[in-house]
Amino acid sequence: MVKRLGLALATVAASFGLVLSTAPTSSATFVWYVDSHHSSLLSCNTAGQAGAHKWGVIYRCDPFPYKPGVWELWVRR
């Protein structure tokens, strides 16, 4: 009886471990958004650093593909 109970508990524990191992590691998903457009990389970086209290320290400045000389500030929210 004790052996059977121990086997049942081990099965439950293994099943619980399998469920936990297949759960997603993070439920927070981040999506990149264009926040603003700038005329230079320097002004884009300045705006990214100034808005760090809103979106955190992670941002990126990419050149606008259809208009040379314009930079897009991308932020994660």
Protein backbone atom coordinates (compact mmCIF):
# COMPACT_ATOMS: atom_id res chain seq x y z
CA MET A 1 0.00 0.00 0.00
CA VAL A 2 2.78 2.42 0.93
CA LYS A 3 4.64 1.55 -2.26
CA ARG A 4 1.53 2.20 -4.35
CA LEU A 5 0.93 5.55 -2.61
CA GLY A 6 4.54 6.56 -3.18
CA LEU A 7 4.27 5.64 -6.85
CA ALA A 8 1.10 7.72 -7.20
CA LEU A 9 2.74 10.72 -5.55
CA ALA A 10 5.77 10.40 -7.82
CA THR A 11 3.50 10.31 -10.86
CA VAL A 12 1.68 13.45 -9.74
CA ALA A 13 4.96 15.23 -9.05
CA ALA A 14 6.34 14.27 -12.47
CA SER A 15 3.17 15.48 -14.18
CA PHE A 16 3.33 18.77 -12.32
CA GLY A 17 6.96 19.22 -13.34
CA LEU A 18 6.07 18.55 -16.98
CA VAL A 19 3.33 21.20 -16.86
CA LEU A 20 5.71 23.74 -15.35
CA SER A 21 8.42 23.01 -17.91
CA THR A 22 6.09 23.72 -20.82
CA ALA A 23 4.84 27.05 -19.38
CA PRO A 24 6.14 30.20 -21.09
CA THR A 25 9.11 31.73 -19.35
CA SER A 26 7.76 35.26 -19.53
CA SER A 27 4.26 36.51 -19.93
CA ALA A 28 5.36 40.04 -20.77
CA THR A 29 5.60 40.71 -24.47
CA PHE A 30 7.22 43.81 -25.87
CA VAL A 31 6.26 45.38 -29.16
CA TRP A 32 8.30 48.02 -30.97
CA TYR A 33 6.52 51.27 -31.85
CA VAL A 34 7.65 54.37 -33.72
CA ASP A 35 7.50 57.22 -31.23
CA SER A 36 8.80 60.14 -33.27
CA HIS A 37 10.82 61.28 -36.29
CA HIS A 38 14.01 63.35 -36.09
CA SER A 39 16.29 65.21 -38.48
CA SER A 40 19.53 63.76 -37.07
CA LEU A 41 20.79 60.74 -35.22
CA LEU A 42 21.94 62.97 -32.37
CA SER A 43 18.46 64.44 -31.81
CA CYS A 44 16.94 60.95 -32.03
CA ASN A 45 19.30 59.62 -29.34
CA THR A 46 18.66 62.69 -27.18
CA ALA A 47 14.91 62.12 -27.39
CA GLY A 48 15.36 58.42 -26.63
CA GLN A 49 17.38 59.17 -23.51
CA ALA A 50 15.00 61.92 -22.41
CA GLY A 51 12.00 59.56 -22.61
CA ALA A 52 13.64 56.74 -20.68
CA HIS A 53 11.21 57.28 -17.79
CA LYS A 54 8.36 56.31 -20.16
CA TRP A 55 9.74 53.34 -22.10
CA GLY A 56 12.93 52.38 -20.26
CA VAL A 57 16.50 52.54 -21.45
CA ILE A 58 15.95 50.30 -24.47
CA TYR A 59 15.18 52.19 -27.66
CA ARG A 60 16.60 52.37 -31.15
CA CYS A 61 17.08 54.99 -33.84
CA ASP A 62 16.72 53.75 -37.41
CA PRO A 63 16.95 55.66 -40.65
CA PHE A 64 13.58 56.23 -42.29
CA PRO A 65 13.69 54.00 -45.39
CA TYR A 66 11.79 56.30 -47.75
CA LYS A 67 13.27 59.68 -46.88
CA PRO A 68 17.02 60.12 -46.40
CA GLY A 69 18.03 62.27 -43.47
CA VAL A 70 15.06 61.33 -41.29
CA TRP A 71 15.51 59.12 -38.23
CA GLU A 72 12.77 57.16 -36.48
CA LEU A 73 12.79 56.66 -32.72
CA TRP A 74 11.54 53.13 -31.95
CA VAL A 75 10.54 52.29 -28.37
CA ARG A 76 9.30 49.15 -26.61
CA ARG A 77 6.05 49.20 -24.69
